[in-house]
Amino acid sequence: MSNSEDMIMGELEFLRHIVRETARMSYPGRFGGKLRGGAKEAIQEHFENVYPGKLQAQIANYDVWHKKRVNQLSHVIKKGNYRQDENDTSFALSAKLVNTFMHQLMKYDQFRYLYKHIHLPLDRIVFQRLCRAENGHNELHYLRELVEPFTEHAYRFDANTYAQIQERLWGVVNYFNDNVLTENQICSRIDLNCLLW
């Protein structure tokens, strides 16, 4: 094997280790009641088998890439019949898992270019905090109207509602940057975590 082949194999193997470690860390502790036994292992296996190749190339359009990844994981959840509550959508459950995975992945420098694009992981606590937030600007008002139905049952939204929520979160980011924060500007929706927790 040539040095260049060793280097390629080494890079891909290193990426596999990153994905494996990230997959193990990205399954939220409170998520166990949402999925049946065996789901955690199947989801980790999915990340470990699919993601090294998907992360190797630069991701040009994150939202398109993200939707494909959520739909792929949604298929795994449906096929394994892992949902505890059939009213929860596999899309909503998958979005939470993919977003948590991507958030964990940000500790690696080679993926930090995606930081400004990653989505805020959505759950009941985030929805409840958004509805209780004291600021009354228009963006937050419109966002509250979208998320209020999910404050008790967080994983029942569909792909279109999800996209609307993530888009409205940019409006909240812009509001805070323009009206509240002077030096510590928010550059990603994930930065809203510190304001919501």
N, C-alpha and C. Protein backbone atom coordinates (compact mmCIF):
# COMPACT_ATOMS: atom_id res chain seq x y z
N MET A 1 0.84 -1.19 0.00
CA MET A 1 0.00 0.00 0.00
C MET A 1 0.89 1.24 0.00
N SER A 2 0.53 2.23 -0.80
CA SER A 2 1.32 3.46 -0.86
C SER A 2 1.01 4.33 0.35
N ASN A 3 1.87 5.35 0.55
CA ASN A 3 1.66 6.29 1.66
C ASN A 3 0.34 7.02 1.52
N SER A 4 -0.05 7.36 0.27
CA SER A 4 -1.32 8.07 0.08
C SER A 4 -2.50 7.17 0.43
N GLU A 5 -2.41 5.86 0.12
CA GLU A 5 -3.48 4.94 0.49
C GLU A 5 -3.54 4.78 2.01
N ASP A 6 -2.38 4.69 2.67
CA ASP A 6 -2.34 4.62 4.13
C ASP A 6 -3.00 5.85 4.74
N MET A 7 -2.71 7.01 4.15
CA MET A 7 -3.24 8.26 4.68
C MET A 7 -4.76 8.29 4.53
N ILE A 8 -5.27 7.86 3.37
CA ILE A 8 -6.72 7.86 3.15
C ILE A 8 -7.39 6.88 4.11
N MET A 9 -6.84 5.68 4.23
CA MET A 9 -7.41 4.71 5.16
C MET A 9 -7.34 5.23 6.58
N GLY A 10 -6.23 5.87 6.93
CA GLY A 10 -6.08 6.43 8.27
C GLY A 10 -7.09 7.53 8.55
N GLU A 11 -7.32 8.41 7.59
CA GLU A 11 -8.28 9.50 7.76
C GLU A 11 -9.69 8.97 7.93
N LEU A 12 -10.07 7.98 7.10
CA LEU A 12 -11.42 7.42 7.19
C LEU A 12 -11.59 6.66 8.51
N GLU A 13 -10.57 5.94 8.92
CA GLU A 13 -10.66 5.21 10.19
C GLU A 13 -10.77 6.19 11.37
N PHE A 14 -10.02 7.29 11.31
CA PHE A 14 -10.11 8.30 12.36
C PHE A 14 -11.52 8.89 12.39
N LEU A 15 -12.09 9.15 11.22
CA LEU A 15 -13.45 9.68 11.13
C LEU A 15 -14.45 8.68 11.72
N ARG A 16 -14.24 7.41 11.47
CA ARG A 16 -15.11 6.38 12.05
C ARG A 16 -15.07 6.43 13.59
N HIS A 17 -13.89 6.64 14.14
CA HIS A 17 -13.76 6.74 15.59
C HIS A 17 -14.50 7.97 16.13
N ILE A 18 -14.39 9.08 15.41
CA ILE A 18 -15.11 10.30 15.81
C ILE A 18 -16.61 10.05 15.80
N VAL A 19 -17.10 9.45 14.73
CA VAL A 19 -18.54 9.18 14.61
C VAL A 19 -18.99 8.22 15.70
N ARG A 20 -18.24 7.18 15.94
CA ARG A 20 -18.61 6.19 16.97
C ARG A 20 -18.72 6.86 18.34
N GLU A 21 -17.71 7.64 18.70
CA GLU A 21 -17.71 8.32 19.99
C GLU A 21 -18.85 9.34 20.08
N THR A 22 -19.08 10.07 19.01
CA THR A 22 -20.15 11.08 19.00
C THR A 22 -21.52 10.41 19.08
N ALA A 23 -21.70 9.31 18.37
CA ALA A 23 -22.98 8.59 18.40
C ALA A 23 -23.29 8.10 19.81
N ARG A 24 -22.29 7.63 20.52
CA ARG A 24 -22.51 7.13 21.88
C ARG A 24 -22.87 8.26 22.85
N MET A 25 -22.35 9.44 22.60
CA MET A 25 -22.59 10.57 23.50
C MET A 25 -23.86 11.33 23.17
N SER A 26 -24.44 11.10 22.02
CA SER A 26 -25.53 11.97 21.55
C SER A 26 -26.93 11.43 21.79
N TYR A 27 -27.05 10.34 22.50
CA TYR A 27 -28.38 9.81 22.80
C TYR A 27 -28.82 10.42 24.13
N PRO A 28 -29.78 11.37 24.11
CA PRO A 28 -30.15 12.08 25.33
C PRO A 28 -30.67 11.14 26.42
N GLY A 29 -30.25 11.36 27.65
CA GLY A 29 -30.64 10.52 28.76
C GLY A 29 -32.14 10.43 28.95
N ARG A 30 -32.84 11.55 28.81
CA ARG A 30 -34.29 11.57 28.99
C ARG A 30 -35.04 10.98 27.80
N PHE A 31 -34.32 10.57 26.79
CA PHE A 31 -34.95 10.10 25.56
C PHE A 31 -35.37 8.64 25.64
N GLY A 32 -34.87 7.93 26.65
CA GLY A 32 -35.15 6.51 26.78
C GLY A 32 -36.63 6.17 26.80
N GLY A 33 -37.46 7.01 27.41
CA GLY A 33 -38.89 6.75 27.46
C GLY A 33 -39.61 6.99 26.16
N LYS A 34 -38.93 7.54 25.19
CA LYS A 34 -39.55 7.84 23.90
C LYS A 34 -39.42 6.69 22.90
N LEU A 35 -38.39 5.88 23.08
CA LEU A 35 -38.13 4.80 22.14
C LEU A 35 -38.04 3.47 22.88
N ARG A 36 -38.39 2.40 22.19
CA ARG A 36 -38.37 1.05 22.77
C ARG A 36 -36.94 0.51 22.84
N GLY A 37 -36.82 -0.57 23.61
CA GLY A 37 -35.53 -1.24 23.74
C GLY A 37 -34.95 -1.63 22.39
N GLY A 38 -33.66 -1.50 22.29
CA GLY A 38 -32.96 -1.80 21.04
C GLY A 38 -32.76 -0.59 20.16
N ALA A 39 -33.51 0.49 20.42
CA ALA A 39 -33.42 1.69 19.58
C ALA A 39 -32.05 2.35 19.69
N LYS A 40 -31.56 2.47 20.91
CA LYS A 40 -30.28 3.15 21.12
C LYS A 40 -29.17 2.47 20.32
N GLU A 41 -29.11 1.17 20.37
CA GLU A 41 -28.09 0.42 19.65
C GLU A 41 -28.27 0.57 18.13
N ALA A 42 -29.53 0.49 17.66
CA ALA A 42 -29.80 0.62 16.22
C ALA A 42 -29.43 2.01 15.72
N ILE A 43 -29.70 3.02 16.52
CA ILE A 43 -29.38 4.40 16.13
C ILE A 43 -27.88 4.61 16.11
N GLN A 44 -27.18 4.12 17.11
CA GLN A 44 -25.72 4.22 17.11
C GLN A 44 -25.12 3.49 15.92
N GLU A 45 -25.64 2.32 15.63
CA GLU A 45 -25.16 1.56 14.47
C GLU A 45 -25.41 2.33 13.18
N HIS A 46 -26.58 2.96 13.07
CA HIS A 46 -26.88 3.77 11.89
C HIS A 46 -25.86 4.89 11.73
N PHE A 47 -25.61 5.64 12.79
CA PHE A 47 -24.62 6.72 12.72
C PHE A 47 -23.25 6.16 12.32
N GLU A 48 -22.85 5.07 12.94
CA GLU A 48 -21.52 4.51 12.69
C GLU A 48 -21.37 3.96 11.27
N ASN A 49 -22.45 3.45 10.69
CA ASN A 49 -22.38 2.88 9.35
C ASN A 49 -22.55 3.92 8.25
N VAL A 50 -23.34 4.94 8.49
CA VAL A 50 -23.68 5.90 7.44
C VAL A 50 -22.83 7.16 7.48
N TYR A 51 -22.55 7.66 8.66
CA TYR A 51 -22.00 9.00 8.78
C TYR A 51 -20.55 9.19 8.37
N PRO A 52 -19.65 8.24 8.56
CA PRO A 52 -18.28 8.54 8.12
C PRO A 52 -18.20 8.99 6.67
N GLY A 53 -18.87 8.27 5.77
CA GLY A 53 -18.86 8.65 4.37
C GLY A 53 -19.60 9.96 4.11
N LYS A 54 -20.66 10.21 4.88
CA LYS A 54 -21.47 11.42 4.67
C LYS A 54 -20.77 12.67 5.21
N LEU A 55 -19.88 12.50 6.17
CA LEU A 55 -19.19 13.64 6.76
C LEU A 55 -17.84 13.92 6.10
N GLN A 56 -17.38 12.99 5.28
CA GLN A 56 -16.04 13.12 4.71
C GLN A 56 -15.94 14.33 3.76
N ALA A 57 -16.97 14.56 2.96
CA ALA A 57 -16.97 15.69 2.03
C ALA A 57 -17.52 16.93 2.74
N GLN A 58 -17.14 18.09 2.28
CA GLN A 58 -17.69 19.33 2.81
C GLN A 58 -19.19 19.37 2.53
N ILE A 59 -19.95 19.82 3.50
CA ILE A 59 -21.41 19.89 3.36
C ILE A 59 -21.75 21.29 2.85
N ALA A 60 -22.19 21.37 1.60
CA ALA A 60 -22.43 22.67 0.98
C ALA A 60 -23.75 23.28 1.40
N ASN A 61 -24.82 22.50 1.41
CA ASN A 61 -26.14 23.00 1.80
C ASN A 61 -26.60 22.21 3.01
N TYR A 62 -26.39 22.77 4.19
CA TYR A 62 -26.62 22.02 5.42
C TYR A 62 -28.09 21.61 5.57
N ASP A 63 -29.03 22.49 5.26
CA ASP A 63 -30.44 22.16 5.47
C ASP A 63 -30.89 20.99 4.60
N VAL A 64 -30.42 20.93 3.37
CA VAL A 64 -30.74 19.80 2.49
C VAL A 64 -30.09 18.53 3.03
N TRP A 65 -28.83 18.63 3.41
CA TRP A 65 -28.10 17.50 3.98
C TRP A 65 -28.81 17.00 5.24
N HIS A 66 -29.19 17.92 6.10
CA HIS A 66 -29.84 17.59 7.38
C HIS A 66 -31.17 16.86 7.15
N LYS A 67 -31.98 17.36 6.24
CA LYS A 67 -33.28 16.74 5.98
C LYS A 67 -33.11 15.30 5.51
N LYS A 68 -32.11 15.05 4.65
CA LYS A 68 -31.85 13.68 4.19
C LYS A 68 -31.44 12.79 5.35
N ARG A 69 -30.57 13.31 6.23
CA ARG A 69 -30.11 12.51 7.38
C ARG A 69 -31.27 12.21 8.33
N VAL A 70 -32.14 13.19 8.57
CA VAL A 70 -33.29 12.97 9.45
C VAL A 70 -34.23 11.94 8.84
N ASN A 71 -34.48 12.04 7.56
CA ASN A 71 -35.36 11.07 6.89
C ASN A 71 -34.77 9.66 6.92
N GLN A 72 -33.44 9.55 6.76
CA GLN A 72 -32.80 8.23 6.84
C GLN A 72 -32.98 7.62 8.24
N LEU A 73 -32.73 8.42 9.27
CA LEU A 73 -32.87 7.91 10.63
C LEU A 73 -34.33 7.63 10.95
N SER A 74 -35.23 8.44 10.43
CA SER A 74 -36.66 8.22 10.60
C SER A 74 -37.05 6.84 10.06
N HIS A 75 -36.47 6.47 8.94
CA HIS A 75 -36.73 5.15 8.35
C HIS A 75 -36.26 4.04 9.30
N VAL A 76 -35.11 4.22 9.93
CA VAL A 76 -34.60 3.23 10.89
C VAL A 76 -35.58 3.07 12.05
N ILE A 77 -36.08 4.19 12.56
CA ILE A 77 -37.02 4.16 13.69
C ILE A 77 -38.33 3.49 13.29
N LYS A 78 -38.82 3.81 12.10
CA LYS A 78 -40.07 3.18 11.62
C LYS A 78 -39.89 1.69 11.40
N LYS A 79 -38.82 1.34 10.71
CA LYS A 79 -38.58 -0.07 10.37
C LYS A 79 -38.44 -0.92 11.63
N GLY A 80 -37.79 -0.39 12.66
CA GLY A 80 -37.61 -1.13 13.90
C GLY A 80 -38.80 -1.03 14.85
N ASN A 81 -39.81 -0.25 14.46
CA ASN A 81 -40.99 -0.04 15.30
C ASN A 81 -40.57 0.38 16.72
N TYR A 82 -39.71 1.40 16.79
CA TYR A 82 -39.11 1.81 18.05
C TYR A 82 -39.91 2.87 18.82
N ARG A 83 -40.88 3.51 18.18
CA ARG A 83 -41.61 4.57 18.90
C ARG A 83 -42.45 3.97 20.02
N GLN A 84 -42.32 4.54 21.22
CA GLN A 84 -43.16 4.13 22.35
C GLN A 84 -44.58 4.66 22.16
N ASP A 85 -44.67 5.92 21.72
CA ASP A 85 -45.96 6.58 21.52
C ASP A 85 -46.17 6.75 20.03
N GLU A 86 -47.16 6.08 19.50
CA GLU A 86 -47.40 6.15 18.05
C GLU A 86 -47.84 7.53 17.59
N ASN A 87 -48.18 8.42 18.52
CA ASN A 87 -48.52 9.80 18.14
C ASN A 87 -47.28 10.64 17.87
N ASP A 88 -46.15 10.22 18.42
CA ASP A 88 -44.88 10.90 18.11
C ASP A 88 -44.53 10.60 16.66
N THR A 89 -44.00 11.59 15.96
CA THR A 89 -43.57 11.35 14.58
C THR A 89 -42.13 10.88 14.58
N SER A 90 -41.84 9.94 13.72
CA SER A 90 -40.44 9.48 13.63
C SER A 90 -39.55 10.61 13.13
N PHE A 91 -40.11 11.56 12.37
CA PHE A 91 -39.33 12.71 11.92
C PHE A 91 -38.88 13.55 13.12
N ALA A 92 -39.79 13.85 14.03
CA ALA A 92 -39.45 14.69 15.20
C ALA A 92 -38.42 14.00 16.08
N LEU A 93 -38.60 12.71 16.32
CA LEU A 93 -37.64 11.96 17.13
C LEU A 93 -36.27 11.94 16.46
N SER A 94 -36.26 11.72 15.15
CA SER A 94 -35.00 11.67 14.39
C SER A 94 -34.31 13.03 14.36
N ALA A 95 -35.09 14.10 14.22
CA ALA A 95 -34.51 15.44 14.20
C ALA A 95 -33.78 15.72 15.52
N LYS A 96 -34.38 15.35 16.63
CA LYS A 96 -33.74 15.55 17.93
C LYS A 96 -32.42 14.79 17.99
N LEU A 97 -32.41 13.56 17.53
CA LEU A 97 -31.19 12.74 17.59
C LEU A 97 -30.11 13.25 16.65
N VAL A 98 -30.47 13.62 15.43
CA VAL A 98 -29.48 14.15 14.48
C VAL A 98 -28.92 15.48 15.01
N ASN A 99 -29.78 16.33 15.54
CA ASN A 99 -29.32 17.63 16.05
C ASN A 99 -28.41 17.47 17.25
N THR A 100 -28.72 16.52 18.12
CA THR A 100 -27.87 16.28 19.27
C THR A 100 -26.53 15.72 18.82
N PHE A 101 -26.55 14.83 17.84
CA PHE A 101 -25.31 14.29 17.27
C PHE A 101 -24.45 15.42 16.70
N MET A 102 -25.06 16.29 15.90
CA MET A 102 -24.30 17.38 15.28
C MET A 102 -23.77 18.35 16.32
N HIS A 103 -24.53 18.61 17.36
CA HIS A 103 -24.07 19.49 18.43
C HIS A 103 -22.83 18.88 19.09
N GLN A 104 -22.87 17.59 19.38
CA GLN A 104 -21.72 16.91 19.98
C GLN A 104 -20.51 16.93 19.03
N LEU A 105 -20.77 16.85 17.74
CA LEU A 105 -19.69 16.80 16.75
C LEU A 105 -18.90 18.11 16.67
N MET A 106 -19.49 19.19 17.16
CA MET A 106 -18.85 20.50 17.05
C MET A 106 -17.57 20.62 17.88
N LYS A 107 -17.29 19.68 18.74
CA LYS A 107 -16.05 19.75 19.51
C LYS A 107 -14.83 19.43 18.65
N TYR A 108 -15.06 18.90 17.45
CA TYR A 108 -13.96 18.59 16.53
C TYR A 108 -13.78 19.74 15.53
N ASP A 109 -12.58 20.25 15.46
CA ASP A 109 -12.28 21.43 14.64
C ASP A 109 -12.73 21.29 13.19
N GLN A 110 -12.54 20.10 12.61
CA GLN A 110 -12.83 19.97 11.18
C GLN A 110 -14.31 20.11 10.84
N PHE A 111 -15.19 20.08 11.87
CA PHE A 111 -16.62 20.25 11.63
C PHE A 111 -17.16 21.58 12.12
N ARG A 112 -16.31 22.39 12.72
CA ARG A 112 -16.77 23.66 13.29
C ARG A 112 -17.29 24.64 12.22
N TYR A 113 -16.92 24.43 10.98
CA TYR A 113 -17.44 25.31 9.92
C TYR A 113 -18.96 25.18 9.80
N LEU A 114 -19.53 24.10 10.32
CA LEU A 114 -20.97 23.89 10.28
C LEU A 114 -21.71 24.53 11.45
N TYR A 115 -20.97 25.02 12.44
CA TYR A 115 -21.58 25.49 13.68
C TYR A 115 -22.72 26.48 13.44
N LYS A 116 -22.50 27.44 12.57
CA LYS A 116 -23.52 28.47 12.36
C LYS A 116 -24.78 27.92 11.70
N HIS A 117 -24.69 26.73 11.11
CA HIS A 117 -25.83 26.14 10.40
C HIS A 117 -26.63 25.14 11.22
N ILE A 118 -26.02 24.56 12.26
CA ILE A 118 -26.71 23.46 12.94
C ILE A 118 -27.98 23.96 13.61
N HIS A 119 -28.90 23.04 13.78
CA HIS A 119 -30.23 23.35 14.29
C HIS A 119 -30.28 23.17 15.81
N LEU A 120 -31.16 23.92 16.43
CA LEU A 120 -31.40 23.78 17.86
C LEU A 120 -32.17 22.48 18.09
N PRO A 121 -31.67 21.56 18.92
CA PRO A 121 -32.45 20.36 19.24
C PRO A 121 -33.74 20.76 19.97
N LEU A 122 -34.85 20.26 19.49
CA LEU A 122 -36.16 20.63 20.04
C LEU A 122 -36.69 19.55 20.96
N ASP A 123 -37.19 19.98 22.11
CA ASP A 123 -37.85 19.07 23.04
C ASP A 123 -38.84 19.87 23.87
N ARG A 124 -39.51 19.19 24.77
CA ARG A 124 -40.56 19.81 25.59
C ARG A 124 -40.01 20.99 26.40
N ILE A 125 -38.84 20.85 26.97
CA ILE A 125 -38.27 21.93 27.79
C ILE A 125 -38.01 23.17 26.94
N VAL A 126 -37.44 22.99 25.76
CA VAL A 126 -37.19 24.13 24.87
C VAL A 126 -38.50 24.80 24.50
N PHE A 127 -39.51 24.01 24.13
CA PHE A 127 -40.80 24.59 23.77
C PHE A 127 -41.43 25.35 24.94
N GLN A 128 -41.37 24.78 26.12
CA GLN A 128 -41.94 25.45 27.29
C GLN A 128 -41.20 26.74 27.61
N ARG A 129 -39.89 26.73 27.49
CA ARG A 129 -39.12 27.95 27.76
C ARG A 129 -39.39 29.03 26.72
N LEU A 130 -39.57 28.62 25.48
CA LEU A 130 -39.90 29.60 24.45
C LEU A 130 -41.25 30.24 24.72
N CYS A 131 -42.18 29.47 25.22
CA CYS A 131 -43.51 30.01 25.52
C CYS A 131 -43.51 30.87 26.78
N ARG A 132 -42.55 30.66 27.67
CA ARG A 132 -42.47 31.47 28.89
C ARG A 132 -41.54 32.67 28.75
N ALA A 133 -40.79 32.72 27.69
CA ALA A 133 -39.82 33.82 27.54
C ALA A 133 -40.52 35.16 27.67
N GLU A 134 -39.86 36.09 28.32
CA GLU A 134 -40.49 37.36 28.67
C GLU A 134 -40.50 38.37 27.52
N ASN A 135 -39.55 38.26 26.62
CA ASN A 135 -39.50 39.24 25.52
C ASN A 135 -40.72 39.08 24.62
N GLY A 136 -41.28 40.21 24.22
CA GLY A 136 -42.52 40.17 23.46
C GLY A 136 -42.38 40.59 22.01
N HIS A 137 -41.19 40.50 21.44
CA HIS A 137 -41.03 40.94 20.05
C HIS A 137 -41.78 40.01 19.10
N ASN A 138 -42.02 40.49 17.89
CA ASN A 138 -42.84 39.75 16.93
C ASN A 138 -42.31 38.36 16.60
N GLU A 139 -41.00 38.24 16.40
CA GLU A 139 -40.45 36.94 16.04
C GLU A 139 -40.75 35.90 17.11
N LEU A 140 -40.61 36.30 18.37
CA LEU A 140 -40.89 35.35 19.44
C LEU A 140 -42.39 35.06 19.53
N HIS A 141 -43.21 36.05 19.26
CA HIS A 141 -44.66 35.84 19.27
C HIS A 141 -45.05 34.80 18.21
N TYR A 142 -44.54 34.94 17.00
CA TYR A 142 -44.86 33.99 15.93
C TYR A 142 -44.31 32.60 16.25
N LEU A 143 -43.15 32.57 16.84
CA LEU A 143 -42.55 31.29 17.22
C LEU A 143 -43.38 30.61 18.31
N ARG A 144 -43.85 31.39 19.27
CA ARG A 144 -44.71 30.83 20.32
C ARG A 144 -45.96 30.18 19.74
N GLU A 145 -46.56 30.84 18.77
CA GLU A 145 -47.75 30.26 18.13
C GLU A 145 -47.45 28.91 17.50
N LEU A 146 -46.25 28.77 16.93
CA LEU A 146 -45.87 27.50 16.31
C LEU A 146 -45.59 26.41 17.33
N VAL A 147 -44.92 26.75 18.44
CA VAL A 147 -44.45 25.72 19.37
C VAL A 147 -45.43 25.40 20.49
N GLU A 148 -46.37 26.28 20.77
CA GLU A 148 -47.29 26.08 21.89
C GLU A 148 -47.98 24.72 21.86
N PRO A 149 -48.43 24.22 20.71
CA PRO A 149 -49.08 22.89 20.69
C PRO A 149 -48.16 21.74 21.11
N PHE A 150 -46.85 21.99 21.17
CA PHE A 150 -45.90 20.91 21.45
C PHE A 150 -45.28 21.00 22.85
N THR A 151 -45.80 21.89 23.68
CA THR A 151 -45.21 22.06 25.01
C THR A 151 -45.42 20.85 25.91
N GLU A 152 -46.44 20.06 25.65
CA GLU A 152 -46.66 18.85 26.45
C GLU A 152 -46.26 17.58 25.68
N HIS A 153 -46.38 17.61 24.37
CA HIS A 153 -46.05 16.46 23.53
C HIS A 153 -45.11 16.94 22.43
N ALA A 154 -43.83 16.97 22.76
CA ALA A 154 -42.84 17.67 21.94
C ALA A 154 -42.53 17.02 20.61
N TYR A 155 -42.77 15.74 20.47
CA TYR A 155 -42.30 15.04 19.28
C TYR A 155 -43.43 14.68 18.32
N ARG A 156 -44.35 15.60 18.16
CA ARG A 156 -45.50 15.35 17.28
C ARG A 156 -45.52 16.27 16.06
N PHE A 157 -44.48 17.01 15.84
CA PHE A 157 -44.44 17.91 14.68
C PHE A 157 -43.97 17.17 13.44
N ASP A 158 -44.34 17.76 12.28
CA ASP A 158 -43.93 17.18 11.01
C ASP A 158 -42.77 17.99 10.43
N ALA A 159 -42.30 17.58 9.26
CA ALA A 159 -41.13 18.21 8.63
C ALA A 159 -41.39 19.68 8.31
N ASN A 160 -42.59 20.03 7.85
CA ASN A 160 -42.88 21.43 7.50
C ASN A 160 -42.90 22.32 8.74
N THR A 161 -43.52 21.86 9.80
CA THR A 161 -43.55 22.64 11.04
C THR A 161 -42.15 22.79 11.60
N TYR A 162 -41.37 21.72 11.53
CA TYR A 162 -39.99 21.76 11.99
C TYR A 162 -39.20 22.85 11.25
N ALA A 163 -39.33 22.87 9.92
CA ALA A 163 -38.61 23.87 9.12
C ALA A 163 -39.05 25.29 9.50
N GLN A 164 -40.33 25.49 9.75
CA GLN A 164 -40.82 26.81 10.16
C GLN A 164 -40.26 27.21 11.52
N ILE A 165 -40.21 26.27 12.45
CA ILE A 165 -39.67 26.57 13.78
C ILE A 165 -38.19 26.95 13.67
N GLN A 166 -37.42 26.19 12.94
CA GLN A 166 -36.00 26.49 12.81
C GLN A 166 -35.78 27.84 12.13
N GLU A 167 -36.62 28.18 11.16
CA GLU A 167 -36.51 29.48 10.48
C GLU A 167 -36.85 30.61 11.45
N ARG A 168 -37.90 30.44 12.23
CA ARG A 168 -38.29 31.46 13.21
C ARG A 168 -37.22 31.64 14.28
N LEU A 169 -36.49 30.57 14.59
CA LEU A 169 -35.41 30.69 15.57
C LEU A 169 -34.33 31.66 15.09
N TRP A 170 -34.12 31.76 13.77
CA TRP A 170 -33.19 32.76 13.24
C TRP A 170 -33.68 34.17 13.56
N GLY A 171 -34.99 34.36 13.50
CA GLY A 171 -35.55 35.67 13.85
C GLY A 171 -35.28 36.01 15.30
N VAL A 172 -35.35 35.02 16.19
CA VAL A 172 -35.05 35.24 17.60
C VAL A 172 -33.56 35.56 17.77
N VAL A 173 -32.70 34.83 17.05
CA VAL A 173 -31.27 35.12 17.09
C VAL A 173 -31.02 36.56 16.68
N ASN A 174 -31.61 36.99 15.59
CA ASN A 174 -31.42 38.35 15.09
C ASN A 174 -31.94 39.39 16.07
N TYR A 175 -33.08 39.09 16.70
CA TYR A 175 -33.63 40.01 17.69
C TYR A 175 -32.64 40.21 18.84
N PHE A 176 -32.13 39.11 19.39
CA PHE A 176 -31.19 39.23 20.51
C PHE A 176 -29.92 39.95 20.09
N ASN A 177 -29.42 39.68 18.90
CA ASN A 177 -28.21 40.35 18.43
C ASN A 177 -28.43 41.84 18.23
N ASP A 178 -29.61 42.23 17.75
CA ASP A 178 -29.90 43.64 17.47
C ASP A 178 -30.31 44.43 18.71
N ASN A 179 -30.97 43.77 19.67
CA ASN A 179 -31.60 44.51 20.76
C ASN A 179 -31.12 44.19 22.17
N VAL A 180 -30.48 43.07 22.36
CA VAL A 180 -30.13 42.66 23.72
C VAL A 180 -28.63 42.53 23.90
N LEU A 181 -27.98 41.85 23.00
CA LEU A 181 -26.55 41.56 23.15
C LEU A 181 -25.71 42.59 22.42
N THR A 182 -24.68 43.07 23.07
CA THR A 182 -23.81 44.05 22.41
C THR A 182 -22.50 43.42 21.98
N GLU A 183 -21.81 42.77 22.89
CA GLU A 183 -20.50 42.20 22.55
C GLU A 183 -20.57 40.72 22.21
N ASN A 184 -21.40 39.96 22.91
CA ASN A 184 -21.46 38.51 22.73
C ASN A 184 -22.59 38.14 21.78
N GLN A 185 -22.35 38.33 20.51
CA GLN A 185 -23.36 38.06 19.50
C GLN A 185 -23.57 36.55 19.33
N ILE A 186 -24.81 36.18 19.03
CA ILE A 186 -25.15 34.79 18.76
C ILE A 186 -24.91 34.53 17.28
N CYS A 187 -24.20 33.44 16.99
CA CYS A 187 -23.91 33.16 15.58
C CYS A 187 -24.60 31.89 15.08
N SER A 188 -25.32 31.20 15.98
CA SER A 188 -25.97 29.95 15.60
C SER A 188 -27.24 29.78 16.43
N ARG A 189 -28.20 29.05 15.87
CA ARG A 189 -29.41 28.76 16.64
C ARG A 189 -29.08 27.95 17.89
N ILE A 190 -28.03 27.16 17.83
CA ILE A 190 -27.65 26.35 18.98
C ILE A 190 -27.24 27.23 20.16
N ASP A 191 -26.79 28.45 19.89
CA ASP A 191 -26.42 29.38 20.97
C ASP A 191 -27.62 29.78 21.82
N LEU A 192 -28.82 29.61 21.29
CA LEU A 192 -30.02 29.93 22.08
C LEU A 192 -30.18 28.99 23.27
N ASN A 193 -29.50 27.85 23.23
CA ASN A 193 -29.56 26.91 24.35
C ASN A 193 -29.25 27.58 25.67
N CYS A 194 -28.23 28.43 25.69
CA CYS A 194 -27.85 29.06 26.96
C CYS A 194 -28.92 30.01 27.48
N LEU A 195 -29.74 30.55 26.60
CA LEU A 195 -30.81 31.45 27.02
C LEU A 195 -32.07 30.69 27.42
N LEU A 196 -32.21 29.46 26.94
CA LEU A 196 -33.42 28.68 27.18
C LEU A 196 -33.27 27.68 28.32
N TRP A 197 -32.04 27.43 28.74
CA TRP A 197 -31.84 26.42 29.80
C TRP A 197 -31.56 27.06 31.14
